[in-house]
């Protein structure tokens, strides 16, 4: 694994570990953690997208293009992870619940 791939997965795993820490709170449902996680990512991506423009008008022109990009990339990542969980279900879910 290259250093950039390792760094990518290290960052992703750090976010997952944070979500898992929230899941340990019996007052919080896993779905609430997932919703917060998605909202935070959407907020971050909106900020990231905005940082490439000089005005709201410039951003408005490219808004649909940016949204299509993020939704398509998320779909690809979700498809890959769903496939991985289906193929490895018993091993991944053995100690869950």
Protein backbone atom coordinates (compact mmCIF):
# COMPACT_ATOMS: atom_id res chain seq x y z
CA UNK A 1 0.00 0.00 0.00
CA UNK A 2 1.39 3.40 -0.93
CA UNK A 3 1.86 6.08 1.70
CA UNK A 4 -0.96 8.15 0.17
CA UNK A 5 -3.35 5.15 0.26
CA UNK A 6 -2.35 4.43 3.85
CA UNK A 7 -2.94 8.05 4.82
CA UNK A 8 -6.34 7.99 3.06
CA UNK A 9 -7.48 4.93 5.00
CA UNK A 10 -5.96 6.21 8.26
CA UNK A 11 -8.06 9.39 7.94
CA UNK A 12 -11.18 7.40 7.06
CA UNK A 13 -10.63 5.02 9.97
CA UNK A 14 -10.19 7.95 12.36
CA UNK A 15 -13.69 9.16 11.40
CA UNK A 16 -15.09 5.65 11.79
CA UNK A 17 -13.50 5.32 15.24
CA UNK A 18 -15.10 8.62 16.27
CA UNK A 19 -18.51 7.37 15.08
CA UNK A 20 -17.97 4.10 16.94
CA UNK A 21 -17.17 6.04 20.12
CA UNK A 22 -20.55 7.80 19.78
CA UNK A 23 -22.22 4.42 19.23
CA UNK A 24 -21.04 3.35 22.71
CA UNK A 25 -23.46 5.85 24.30
CA UNK A 26 -26.66 3.91 25.09
CA UNK A 27 -28.67 7.14 24.76
CA UNK A 28 -27.70 7.49 21.09
CA UNK A 29 -29.10 5.30 18.32
CA UNK A 30 -26.71 4.15 15.58
CA UNK A 31 -28.97 5.82 13.01
CA UNK A 32 -28.47 9.14 14.77
CA UNK A 33 -24.71 8.74 14.53
CA UNK A 34 -25.00 7.90 10.84
CA UNK A 35 -27.21 10.94 10.19
CA UNK A 36 -24.77 13.24 12.03
CA UNK A 37 -21.87 11.73 10.10
CA UNK A 38 -23.61 12.32 6.75
CA UNK A 39 -24.60 15.88 7.71
CA UNK A 40 -21.02 16.67 8.74
CA UNK A 41 -19.66 15.32 5.46
CA UNK A 42 -22.20 17.34 3.48
CA UNK A 43 -21.29 20.45 5.46
CA UNK A 44 -17.57 19.86 4.94
CA UNK A 45 -18.02 19.28 1.21
CA UNK A 46 -20.12 22.45 0.87
CA UNK A 47 -17.32 24.38 2.59
CA UNK A 48 -14.68 22.69 0.44
CA UNK A 49 -16.62 23.51 -2.71
CA UNK A 50 -17.14 27.12 -1.62
CA UNK A 51 -13.43 27.55 -0.95
CA UNK A 52 -12.75 27.31 -4.69
CA UNK A 53 -14.84 30.34 -5.62
CA UNK A 54 -14.65 34.11 -5.25
CA UNK A 55 -18.40 34.67 -4.94
CA UNK A 56 -21.74 33.00 -4.27
CA UNK A 57 -22.65 33.72 -7.88
CA UNK A 58 -19.66 31.70 -9.16
CA UNK A 59 -20.58 28.85 -6.83
CA UNK A 60 -24.22 28.93 -7.93
CA UNK A 61 -23.19 28.39 -11.56
CA UNK A 62 -21.28 25.21 -10.63
CA UNK A 63 -23.57 23.95 -7.82
CA UNK A 64 -25.32 21.19 -9.81
CA UNK A 65 -22.02 19.96 -11.26
CA UNK A 66 -20.50 19.76 -7.77
CA UNK A 67 -23.54 18.00 -6.34
CA UNK A 68 -23.53 15.43 -9.15
CA UNK A 69 -19.85 14.77 -8.53
CA UNK A 70 -20.27 14.23 -4.76
CA UNK A 71 -23.39 12.09 -5.13
CA UNK A 72 -21.77 9.90 -7.81
CA UNK A 73 -18.57 9.46 -5.78
CA UNK A 74 -20.57 8.60 -2.66
CA UNK A 75 -22.64 6.09 -4.66
CA UNK A 76 -19.46 4.37 -5.91
CA UNK A 77 -17.98 4.20 -2.41
CA UNK A 78 -21.25 2.95 -0.91
CA UNK A 79 -21.61 0.30 -3.63
CA UNK A 80 -18.04 -0.93 -2.99
CA UNK A 81 -18.56 -1.07 0.76
CA UNK A 82 -21.96 -2.78 0.48
CA UNK A 83 -20.38 -5.38 -1.82
CA UNK A 84 -17.54 -5.88 0.68
CA UNK A 85 -19.99 -6.36 3.56
CA UNK A 86 -22.09 -8.81 1.56
CA UNK A 87 -19.02 -10.83 0.61
CA UNK A 88 -17.63 -10.77 4.17
CA UNK A 89 -20.85 -10.58 6.16
CA UNK A 90 -20.25 -13.44 8.57
CA UNK A 91 -16.73 -12.29 9.47
CA UNK A 92 -17.64 -8.62 9.84
CA UNK A 93 -20.86 -9.15 11.76
CA UNK A 94 -19.77 -12.11 13.92
CA UNK A 95 -19.36 -10.07 17.12
CA UNK A 96 -22.06 -7.47 16.49
CA UNK A 97 -25.27 -7.07 18.40
